[in-house]
Amino acid sequence: ITGGVGGEGWKFPPGTKLPAVLGMLTDGAFLKRMKRAGIPCVNISERTQGLGTARVLPDNLEAGRRAGAYFLEKKFTHFAFTGCDDFYFSKLRHQGFEEVVRDAGFACASQQFGSGKWPCDSMDPLPEIGEWLQSLPRPCAIFAHADDHARRVLNECRRLNIRVPEETAVLGCDND
């Protein structure tokens, strides 16, 4: 498969017969072509809604709860969440995490960012994350809404010489 969003879109090798498509489907033109061809599509994208396809998604509230329970089992007493307030899945993960942490009698700090504040594909140093990390009590357990963002947090820990996991433990989500 070649192509992607924009331009001519996805292209399949000649003679390809697709019984179905399962993927992170964010290209409306591609989905229209599949519908015209009678090929069923199942979208597993968390970020795209309303494209008229079946969707299979994780239980994001439970993912947050499990992250909180994991850190509680590790005997942490300081907790924080960092995520993107533009994405519903991030809000649910935050809600589940904070619910478990608060039910155990602990507070949960949070750092939210909106779309466009930090480049999605950049792992360059982000001083905002570093400033936030330095403001947290230690040792602290941090749940990041997604693995790419957990990596940003870890990069800032390295830049600031914050020991992981002794001073700050970081857990991401999505298996990316």
N, C-alpha and C. Protein backbone atom coordinates (compact mmCIF):
# COMPACT_ATOMS: atom_id res chain seq x y z
N ILE A 1 0.85 -1.17 0.00
CA ILE A 1 0.00 0.00 0.00
C ILE A 1 0.89 1.23 0.00
N THR A 2 0.56 2.19 -0.83
CA THR A 2 1.29 3.44 -0.85
C THR A 2 0.31 4.60 -0.77
N GLY A 3 0.84 5.79 -0.53
CA GLY A 3 -0.01 6.98 -0.52
C GLY A 3 -0.35 7.41 0.88
N GLY A 4 -1.52 7.96 1.04
CA GLY A 4 -1.95 8.45 2.33
C GLY A 4 -2.90 9.61 2.15
N VAL A 5 -3.00 10.40 3.16
CA VAL A 5 -3.90 11.54 3.12
C VAL A 5 -3.35 12.58 2.15
N GLY A 6 -4.24 13.16 1.35
CA GLY A 6 -3.83 14.19 0.40
C GLY A 6 -3.42 13.59 -0.93
N GLY A 7 -3.19 14.43 -1.89
CA GLY A 7 -2.77 13.96 -3.21
C GLY A 7 -3.77 12.98 -3.77
N GLU A 8 -3.26 11.88 -4.31
CA GLU A 8 -4.12 10.87 -4.91
C GLU A 8 -4.63 9.86 -3.90
N GLY A 9 -4.20 9.94 -2.67
CA GLY A 9 -4.69 9.02 -1.65
C GLY A 9 -4.00 7.67 -1.70
N TRP A 10 -4.60 6.70 -1.05
CA TRP A 10 -4.02 5.37 -0.94
C TRP A 10 -4.09 4.64 -2.27
N LYS A 11 -3.04 3.92 -2.59
CA LYS A 11 -3.00 3.11 -3.81
C LYS A 11 -2.62 1.69 -3.42
N PHE A 12 -3.30 0.74 -4.02
CA PHE A 12 -3.03 -0.66 -3.76
C PHE A 12 -2.42 -1.28 -5.00
N PRO A 13 -1.60 -2.31 -4.82
CA PRO A 13 -1.01 -2.97 -5.99
C PRO A 13 -2.11 -3.44 -6.95
N PRO A 14 -1.83 -3.41 -8.25
CA PRO A 14 -2.84 -3.87 -9.22
C PRO A 14 -3.32 -5.28 -8.90
N GLY A 15 -4.61 -5.50 -9.04
CA GLY A 15 -5.19 -6.82 -8.79
C GLY A 15 -5.50 -7.10 -7.34
N THR A 16 -5.21 -6.18 -6.45
CA THR A 16 -5.50 -6.39 -5.03
C THR A 16 -7.00 -6.48 -4.81
N LYS A 17 -7.42 -7.53 -4.12
CA LYS A 17 -8.83 -7.69 -3.77
C LYS A 17 -8.93 -7.62 -2.25
N LEU A 18 -9.58 -6.59 -1.77
CA LEU A 18 -9.70 -6.39 -0.34
C LEU A 18 -11.03 -6.93 0.17
N PRO A 19 -10.99 -7.89 1.10
CA PRO A 19 -12.26 -8.33 1.70
C PRO A 19 -12.79 -7.28 2.68
N ALA A 20 -11.87 -6.54 3.29
CA ALA A 20 -12.23 -5.49 4.25
C ALA A 20 -10.98 -4.68 4.57
N VAL A 21 -11.19 -3.53 5.20
CA VAL A 21 -10.08 -2.69 5.62
C VAL A 21 -10.25 -2.40 7.10
N LEU A 22 -9.20 -2.65 7.87
CA LEU A 22 -9.16 -2.35 9.29
C LEU A 22 -7.96 -1.46 9.51
N GLY A 23 -8.17 -0.27 10.07
CA GLY A 23 -7.03 0.61 10.28
C GLY A 23 -7.42 1.94 10.88
N MET A 24 -6.41 2.79 11.02
CA MET A 24 -6.63 4.15 11.50
C MET A 24 -7.04 4.97 10.29
N LEU A 25 -8.31 5.00 10.04
CA LEU A 25 -8.86 5.57 8.82
C LEU A 25 -9.26 7.01 9.04
N THR A 26 -8.47 7.91 8.48
CA THR A 26 -8.71 9.34 8.68
C THR A 26 -8.95 10.08 7.38
N ASP A 27 -8.90 9.39 6.27
CA ASP A 27 -9.03 10.00 4.95
C ASP A 27 -10.44 9.76 4.42
N GLY A 28 -11.28 10.81 4.43
CA GLY A 28 -12.66 10.68 3.99
C GLY A 28 -12.79 10.23 2.54
N ALA A 29 -11.90 10.72 1.65
CA ALA A 29 -11.95 10.33 0.24
C ALA A 29 -11.68 8.84 0.09
N PHE A 30 -10.73 8.32 0.85
CA PHE A 30 -10.41 6.89 0.81
C PHE A 30 -11.64 6.09 1.24
N LEU A 31 -12.27 6.50 2.32
CA LEU A 31 -13.43 5.77 2.83
C LEU A 31 -14.58 5.80 1.82
N LYS A 32 -14.76 6.91 1.13
CA LYS A 32 -15.81 6.98 0.09
C LYS A 32 -15.51 6.00 -1.04
N ARG A 33 -14.23 5.91 -1.44
CA ARG A 33 -13.85 4.96 -2.49
C ARG A 33 -14.12 3.53 -2.05
N MET A 34 -13.80 3.22 -0.81
CA MET A 34 -14.04 1.87 -0.31
C MET A 34 -15.54 1.57 -0.27
N LYS A 35 -16.34 2.54 0.13
CA LYS A 35 -17.79 2.35 0.19
C LYS A 35 -18.35 2.10 -1.21
N ARG A 36 -17.90 2.91 -2.19
CA ARG A 36 -18.36 2.72 -3.58
C ARG A 36 -17.97 1.34 -4.10
N ALA A 37 -16.82 0.83 -3.66
CA ALA A 37 -16.35 -0.49 -4.10
C ALA A 37 -16.98 -1.63 -3.31
N GLY A 38 -17.80 -1.29 -2.29
CA GLY A 38 -18.46 -2.32 -1.49
C GLY A 38 -17.53 -3.00 -0.50
N ILE A 39 -16.46 -2.34 -0.13
CA ILE A 39 -15.48 -2.92 0.80
C ILE A 39 -15.76 -2.37 2.20
N PRO A 40 -16.11 -3.25 3.14
CA PRO A 40 -16.38 -2.77 4.50
C PRO A 40 -15.11 -2.26 5.17
N CYS A 41 -15.27 -1.21 5.98
CA CYS A 41 -14.15 -0.61 6.70
C CYS A 41 -14.46 -0.54 8.18
N VAL A 42 -13.43 -0.80 8.97
CA VAL A 42 -13.53 -0.66 10.42
C VAL A 42 -12.42 0.29 10.86
N ASN A 43 -12.81 1.37 11.49
CA ASN A 43 -11.88 2.41 11.91
C ASN A 43 -11.44 2.16 13.35
N ILE A 44 -10.14 2.15 13.59
CA ILE A 44 -9.63 2.01 14.95
C ILE A 44 -8.97 3.31 15.42
N SER A 45 -9.22 4.40 14.70
CA SER A 45 -8.64 5.69 15.08
C SER A 45 -9.42 6.31 16.22
N GLU A 46 -8.70 6.74 17.23
CA GLU A 46 -9.29 7.45 18.36
C GLU A 46 -9.60 8.89 18.01
N ARG A 47 -8.88 9.43 17.06
CA ARG A 47 -8.92 10.86 16.81
C ARG A 47 -9.91 11.28 15.74
N THR A 48 -10.42 10.34 14.99
CA THR A 48 -11.30 10.71 13.89
C THR A 48 -12.68 10.12 14.13
N GLN A 49 -13.67 10.97 14.06
CA GLN A 49 -15.05 10.52 14.24
C GLN A 49 -15.89 11.04 13.10
N GLY A 50 -17.07 10.49 12.94
CA GLY A 50 -18.02 11.00 11.99
C GLY A 50 -17.71 10.69 10.54
N LEU A 51 -16.92 9.66 10.26
CA LEU A 51 -16.64 9.31 8.88
C LEU A 51 -17.55 8.20 8.37
N GLY A 52 -18.54 7.83 9.15
CA GLY A 52 -19.53 6.86 8.69
C GLY A 52 -19.06 5.43 8.60
N THR A 53 -18.09 5.05 9.40
CA THR A 53 -17.62 3.67 9.41
C THR A 53 -17.82 3.08 10.79
N ALA A 54 -17.80 1.76 10.83
CA ALA A 54 -17.80 1.09 12.14
C ALA A 54 -16.49 1.42 12.84
N ARG A 55 -16.54 1.50 14.16
CA ARG A 55 -15.33 1.81 14.93
C ARG A 55 -15.16 0.79 16.05
N VAL A 56 -13.94 0.42 16.30
CA VAL A 56 -13.59 -0.43 17.43
C VAL A 56 -12.55 0.34 18.23
N LEU A 57 -12.88 0.62 19.49
CA LEU A 57 -12.00 1.46 20.31
C LEU A 57 -11.76 0.81 21.66
N PRO A 58 -10.66 1.19 22.30
CA PRO A 58 -10.39 0.68 23.65
C PRO A 58 -11.29 1.36 24.67
N ASP A 59 -11.34 0.78 25.84
CA ASP A 59 -12.06 1.39 26.97
C ASP A 59 -11.09 2.35 27.64
N ASN A 60 -11.14 3.61 27.24
CA ASN A 60 -10.17 4.60 27.71
C ASN A 60 -10.33 4.93 29.17
N LEU A 61 -11.54 4.90 29.69
CA LEU A 61 -11.77 5.14 31.11
C LEU A 61 -11.07 4.04 31.92
N GLU A 62 -11.23 2.81 31.46
CA GLU A 62 -10.59 1.67 32.15
C GLU A 62 -9.07 1.73 32.01
N ALA A 63 -8.58 2.19 30.88
CA ALA A 63 -7.12 2.34 30.72
C ALA A 63 -6.57 3.29 31.78
N GLY A 64 -7.26 4.40 32.01
CA GLY A 64 -6.84 5.33 33.05
C GLY A 64 -6.91 4.72 34.43
N ARG A 65 -7.98 3.98 34.67
CA ARG A 65 -8.11 3.31 35.98
C ARG A 65 -6.98 2.33 36.22
N ARG A 66 -6.66 1.57 35.21
CA ARG A 66 -5.59 0.57 35.36
C ARG A 66 -4.23 1.24 35.57
N ALA A 67 -4.01 2.36 34.91
CA ALA A 67 -2.76 3.10 35.12
C ALA A 67 -2.67 3.56 36.57
N GLY A 68 -3.76 4.09 37.10
CA GLY A 68 -3.79 4.52 38.50
C GLY A 68 -3.56 3.36 39.45
N ALA A 69 -4.23 2.24 39.19
CA ALA A 69 -4.07 1.06 40.05
C ALA A 69 -2.64 0.53 40.00
N TYR A 70 -2.03 0.55 38.83
CA TYR A 70 -0.64 0.10 38.69
C TYR A 70 0.29 0.92 39.58
N PHE A 71 0.16 2.25 39.49
CA PHE A 71 1.03 3.11 40.29
C PHE A 71 0.74 2.97 41.79
N LEU A 72 -0.51 2.77 42.15
CA LEU A 72 -0.84 2.54 43.57
C LEU A 72 -0.20 1.25 44.07
N GLU A 73 -0.22 0.22 43.24
CA GLU A 73 0.43 -1.05 43.62
C GLU A 73 1.93 -0.87 43.83
N LYS A 74 2.51 0.09 43.13
CA LYS A 74 3.94 0.37 43.26
C LYS A 74 4.23 1.30 44.43
N LYS A 75 3.18 1.64 45.18
CA LYS A 75 3.29 2.42 46.43
C LYS A 75 3.62 3.89 46.22
N PHE A 76 3.29 4.45 45.06
CA PHE A 76 3.48 5.88 44.86
C PHE A 76 2.43 6.64 45.67
N THR A 77 2.79 7.86 46.05
CA THR A 77 1.85 8.72 46.79
C THR A 77 1.67 10.08 46.12
N HIS A 78 2.42 10.35 45.06
CA HIS A 78 2.28 11.58 44.28
C HIS A 78 1.99 11.18 42.84
N PHE A 79 0.95 11.81 42.26
CA PHE A 79 0.47 11.40 40.95
C PHE A 79 0.23 12.61 40.06
N ALA A 80 0.39 12.39 38.74
CA ALA A 80 0.14 13.46 37.78
C ALA A 80 -0.29 12.84 36.45
N PHE A 81 -1.06 13.61 35.72
CA PHE A 81 -1.51 13.21 34.39
C PHE A 81 -1.15 14.31 33.41
N THR A 82 -0.72 13.94 32.22
CA THR A 82 -0.50 14.91 31.15
C THR A 82 -1.15 14.39 29.89
N GLY A 83 -1.94 15.26 29.26
CA GLY A 83 -2.67 14.84 28.07
C GLY A 83 -3.14 16.02 27.24
N CYS A 84 -3.90 15.70 26.22
CA CYS A 84 -4.40 16.71 25.29
C CYS A 84 -5.90 16.89 25.47
N ASP A 85 -6.28 18.07 25.90
CA ASP A 85 -7.69 18.32 26.18
C ASP A 85 -8.54 18.42 24.92
N ASP A 86 -7.93 18.35 23.74
CA ASP A 86 -8.70 18.35 22.49
C ASP A 86 -9.24 16.96 22.14
N PHE A 87 -8.71 15.93 22.76
CA PHE A 87 -9.10 14.57 22.39
C PHE A 87 -9.92 13.93 23.50
N TYR A 88 -11.08 13.42 23.12
CA TYR A 88 -11.99 12.81 24.09
C TYR A 88 -11.33 11.61 24.78
N PHE A 89 -10.56 10.81 24.03
CA PHE A 89 -9.91 9.66 24.64
C PHE A 89 -8.96 10.09 25.75
N SER A 90 -8.29 11.23 25.58
CA SER A 90 -7.38 11.74 26.60
C SER A 90 -8.16 12.15 27.85
N LYS A 91 -9.29 12.80 27.63
CA LYS A 91 -10.13 13.20 28.77
C LYS A 91 -10.60 11.98 29.56
N LEU A 92 -10.99 10.92 28.85
CA LEU A 92 -11.44 9.70 29.54
C LEU A 92 -10.30 9.03 30.30
N ARG A 93 -9.13 8.98 29.72
CA ARG A 93 -7.98 8.38 30.41
C ARG A 93 -7.64 9.19 31.67
N HIS A 94 -7.69 10.50 31.55
CA HIS A 94 -7.45 11.36 32.71
C HIS A 94 -8.50 11.11 33.79
N GLN A 95 -9.76 11.06 33.38
CA GLN A 95 -10.85 10.84 34.34
C GLN A 95 -10.67 9.52 35.09
N GLY A 96 -10.38 8.44 34.38
CA GLY A 96 -10.19 7.13 35.02
C GLY A 96 -9.00 7.12 35.96
N PHE A 97 -7.90 7.72 35.53
CA PHE A 97 -6.70 7.78 36.35
C PHE A 97 -6.96 8.57 37.63
N GLU A 98 -7.51 9.75 37.47
CA GLU A 98 -7.75 10.61 38.63
C GLU A 98 -8.77 10.00 39.58
N GLU A 99 -9.77 9.32 39.04
CA GLU A 99 -10.79 8.66 39.88
C GLU A 99 -10.15 7.65 40.84
N VAL A 100 -9.29 6.80 40.31
CA VAL A 100 -8.64 5.77 41.13
C VAL A 100 -7.71 6.40 42.16
N VAL A 101 -6.94 7.38 41.73
CA VAL A 101 -5.98 8.04 42.61
C VAL A 101 -6.71 8.77 43.75
N ARG A 102 -7.76 9.50 43.42
CA ARG A 102 -8.52 10.25 44.44
C ARG A 102 -9.27 9.30 45.38
N ASP A 103 -9.81 8.22 44.85
CA ASP A 103 -10.50 7.24 45.69
C ASP A 103 -9.55 6.62 46.71
N ALA A 104 -8.26 6.59 46.39
CA ALA A 104 -7.25 6.06 47.31
C ALA A 104 -6.76 7.14 48.28
N GLY A 105 -7.30 8.36 48.15
CA GLY A 105 -6.96 9.43 49.08
C GLY A 105 -5.83 10.34 48.66
N PHE A 106 -5.46 10.31 47.37
CA PHE A 106 -4.34 11.12 46.89
C PHE A 106 -4.81 12.17 45.89
N ALA A 107 -4.02 13.21 45.74
CA ALA A 107 -4.30 14.25 44.75
C ALA A 107 -3.64 13.87 43.43
N CYS A 108 -4.11 14.52 42.37
CA CYS A 108 -3.54 14.27 41.04
C CYS A 108 -3.33 15.60 40.34
N ALA A 109 -2.08 15.95 40.11
CA ALA A 109 -1.77 17.16 39.34
C ALA A 109 -2.03 16.84 37.86
N SER A 110 -2.23 17.88 37.07
CA SER A 110 -2.40 17.61 35.64
C SER A 110 -1.83 18.75 34.80
N GLN A 111 -1.43 18.38 33.62
CA GLN A 111 -0.96 19.34 32.63
C GLN A 111 -1.70 18.99 31.34
N GLN A 112 -2.52 19.91 30.87
CA GLN A 112 -3.28 19.71 29.64
C GLN A 112 -2.73 20.64 28.56
N PHE A 113 -2.74 20.17 27.35
CA PHE A 113 -2.34 21.01 26.23
C PHE A 113 -3.34 20.83 25.12
N GLY A 114 -3.46 21.83 24.29
CA GLY A 114 -4.38 21.77 23.16
C GLY A 114 -3.65 21.51 21.86
N SER A 115 -4.42 21.16 20.87
CA SER A 115 -3.88 20.89 19.55
C SER A 115 -3.09 22.10 19.06
N GLY A 116 -1.91 21.84 18.55
CA GLY A 116 -1.09 22.91 18.01
C GLY A 116 -0.13 23.53 19.00
N LYS A 117 -0.34 23.30 20.31
CA LYS A 117 0.58 23.89 21.29
C LYS A 117 1.96 23.26 21.17
N TRP A 118 1.99 21.94 21.07
CA TRP A 118 3.25 21.23 20.89
C TRP A 118 3.16 20.45 19.60
N PRO A 119 4.21 20.46 18.81
CA PRO A 119 4.16 19.72 17.55
C PRO A 119 4.02 18.22 17.81
N CYS A 120 3.06 17.61 17.15
CA CYS A 120 2.76 16.20 17.36
C CYS A 120 3.93 15.29 17.03
N ASP A 121 4.70 15.63 16.02
CA ASP A 121 5.74 14.72 15.56
C ASP A 121 7.14 15.13 16.03
N SER A 122 7.21 16.08 16.93
CA SER A 122 8.51 16.56 17.38
C SER A 122 8.88 15.99 18.75
N MET A 123 10.13 15.64 18.89
CA MET A 123 10.63 15.21 20.19
C MET A 123 11.67 16.22 20.69
N ASP A 124 11.63 17.42 20.12
CA ASP A 124 12.52 18.49 20.56
C ASP A 124 12.20 18.85 22.01
N PRO A 125 13.18 19.41 22.73
CA PRO A 125 12.93 19.81 24.12
C PRO A 125 11.73 20.76 24.21
N LEU A 126 10.91 20.54 25.20
CA LEU A 126 9.73 21.37 25.42
C LEU A 126 9.80 21.93 26.84
N PRO A 127 10.24 23.17 26.96
CA PRO A 127 10.43 23.77 28.29
C PRO A 127 9.18 23.73 29.17
N GLU A 128 7.98 23.80 28.55
CA GLU A 128 6.75 23.77 29.36
C GLU A 128 6.64 22.46 30.15
N ILE A 129 7.03 21.37 29.50
CA ILE A 129 6.99 20.08 30.20
C ILE A 129 8.03 20.07 31.30
N GLY A 130 9.22 20.56 31.00
CA GLY A 130 10.29 20.59 32.00
C GLY A 130 9.91 21.42 33.21
N GLU A 131 9.33 22.58 32.99
CA GLU A 131 8.89 23.42 34.11
C GLU A 131 7.85 22.70 34.96
N TRP A 132 6.92 22.03 34.30
CA TRP A 132 5.89 21.28 35.01
C TRP A 132 6.52 20.15 35.82
N LEU A 133 7.43 19.40 35.19
CA LEU A 133 8.09 18.29 35.89
C LEU A 133 8.81 18.78 37.15
N GLN A 134 9.48 19.92 37.04
CA GLN A 134 10.21 20.44 38.19
C GLN A 134 9.29 20.91 39.31
N SER A 135 8.03 21.19 38.98
CA SER A 135 7.08 21.65 40.00
C SER A 135 6.44 20.50 40.76
N LEU A 136 6.60 19.27 40.28
CA LEU A 136 5.93 18.12 40.90
C LEU A 136 6.72 17.59 42.09
N PRO A 137 6.00 17.10 43.12
CA PRO A 137 6.70 16.46 44.25
C PRO A 137 7.31 15.13 43.77
N ARG A 138 8.32 14.68 44.47
CA ARG A 138 8.98 13.42 44.10
C ARG A 138 9.04 12.48 45.28
N PRO A 139 9.01 11.20 44.99
CA PRO A 139 8.83 10.58 43.68
C PRO A 139 7.39 10.77 43.19
N CYS A 140 7.24 10.86 41.88
CA CYS A 140 5.93 11.11 41.28
C CYS A 140 5.67 10.10 40.16
N ALA A 141 4.44 9.64 40.10
CA ALA A 141 3.99 8.72 39.05
C ALA A 141 3.19 9.53 38.03
N ILE A 142 3.64 9.54 36.79
CA ILE A 142 3.00 10.33 35.74
C ILE A 142 2.40 9.40 34.69
N PHE A 143 1.12 9.61 34.42
CA PHE A 143 0.44 8.89 33.34
C PHE A 143 0.25 9.87 32.19
N ALA A 144 0.83 9.52 31.04
CA ALA A 144 0.70 10.34 29.83
C ALA A 144 -0.38 9.74 28.94
N HIS A 145 -1.17 10.59 28.33
CA HIS A 145 -2.32 10.12 27.55
C HIS A 145 -1.94 9.21 26.39
N ALA A 146 -0.73 9.29 25.90
CA ALA A 146 -0.28 8.47 24.78
C ALA A 146 1.22 8.26 24.87
N ASP A 147 1.69 7.21 24.21
CA ASP A 147 3.11 6.87 24.28
C ASP A 147 4.02 7.95 23.72
N ASP A 148 3.58 8.62 22.64
CA ASP A 148 4.45 9.66 22.09
C ASP A 148 4.62 10.81 23.09
N HIS A 149 3.58 11.09 23.84
CA HIS A 149 3.70 12.14 24.84
C HIS A 149 4.52 11.66 26.04
N ALA A 150 4.40 10.40 26.40
CA ALA A 150 5.25 9.84 27.47
C ALA A 150 6.71 9.99 27.07
N ARG A 151 7.00 9.80 25.81
CA ARG A 151 8.38 9.95 25.34
C ARG A 151 8.85 11.40 25.50
N ARG A 152 7.97 12.36 25.22
CA ARG A 152 8.33 13.77 25.43
C ARG A 152 8.69 14.01 26.90
N VAL A 153 7.88 13.45 27.80
CA VAL A 153 8.12 13.60 29.23
C VAL A 153 9.47 12.97 29.59
N LEU A 154 9.73 11.78 29.09
CA LEU A 154 11.00 11.11 29.38
C LEU A 154 12.18 11.90 28.82
N ASN A 155 12.02 12.48 27.64
CA ASN A 155 13.10 13.31 27.08
C ASN A 155 13.40 14.49 27.98
N GLU A 156 12.36 15.11 28.54
CA GLU A 156 12.57 16.23 29.46
C GLU A 156 13.21 15.76 30.76
N CYS A 157 12.81 14.59 31.24
CA CYS A 157 13.46 14.03 32.44
C CYS A 157 14.95 13.87 32.21
N ARG A 158 15.31 13.34 31.05
CA ARG A 158 16.72 13.14 30.73
C ARG A 158 17.44 14.50 30.66
N ARG A 159 16.82 15.46 29.98
CA ARG A 159 17.44 16.78 29.83
C ARG A 159 17.67 17.45 31.18
N LEU A 160 16.76 17.22 32.13
CA LEU A 160 16.83 17.86 33.45
C LEU A 160 17.51 16.99 34.52
N ASN A 161 18.02 15.84 34.09
CA ASN A 161 18.66 14.89 35.02
C ASN A 161 17.72 14.42 36.13
N ILE A 162 16.47 14.21 35.78
CA ILE A 162 15.49 13.64 36.71
C ILE A 162 15.56 12.13 36.52
N ARG A 163 15.87 11.42 37.59
CA ARG A 163 16.07 9.97 37.50
C ARG A 163 14.73 9.26 37.32
N VAL A 164 14.69 8.35 36.33
CA VAL A 164 13.52 7.55 36.02
C VAL A 164 13.89 6.10 36.28
N PRO A 165 13.13 5.36 37.05
CA PRO A 165 11.86 5.67 37.71
C PRO A 165 12.00 6.12 39.17
N GLU A 166 13.23 6.30 39.65
CA GLU A 166 13.42 6.61 41.07
C GLU A 166 12.74 7.91 41.49
N GLU A 167 12.86 8.95 40.68
CA GLU A 167 12.25 10.23 41.02
C GLU A 167 10.92 10.47 40.29
N THR A 168 10.85 10.01 39.07
CA THR A 168 9.64 10.17 38.28
C THR A 168 9.43 8.91 37.45
N ALA A 169 8.30 8.25 37.66
CA ALA A 169 7.93 7.09 36.85
C ALA A 169 6.94 7.57 35.79
N VAL A 170 7.10 7.10 34.56
CA VAL A 170 6.25 7.55 33.45
C VAL A 170 5.63 6.35 32.78
N LEU A 171 4.32 6.44 32.57
CA LEU A 171 3.57 5.38 31.90
C LEU A 171 2.79 6.00 30.76
N GLY A 172 2.94 5.45 29.57
CA GLY A 172 2.17 5.90 28.41
C GLY A 172 1.07 4.90 28.11
N CYS A 173 0.35 5.16 27.04
CA CYS A 173 -0.77 4.31 26.66
C CYS A 173 -0.83 4.22 25.14
N ASP A 174 -1.18 3.09 24.61
CA ASP A 174 -1.44 2.83 23.19
C ASP A 174 -0.47 1.83 22.57
N ASN A 175 0.60 1.47 23.24
CA ASN A 175 1.54 0.49 22.71
C ASN A 175 2.18 0.96 21.42
N ASP A 176 2.49 2.26 21.35
CA ASP A 176 3.13 2.81 20.14
C ASP A 176 4.64 2.78 20.29
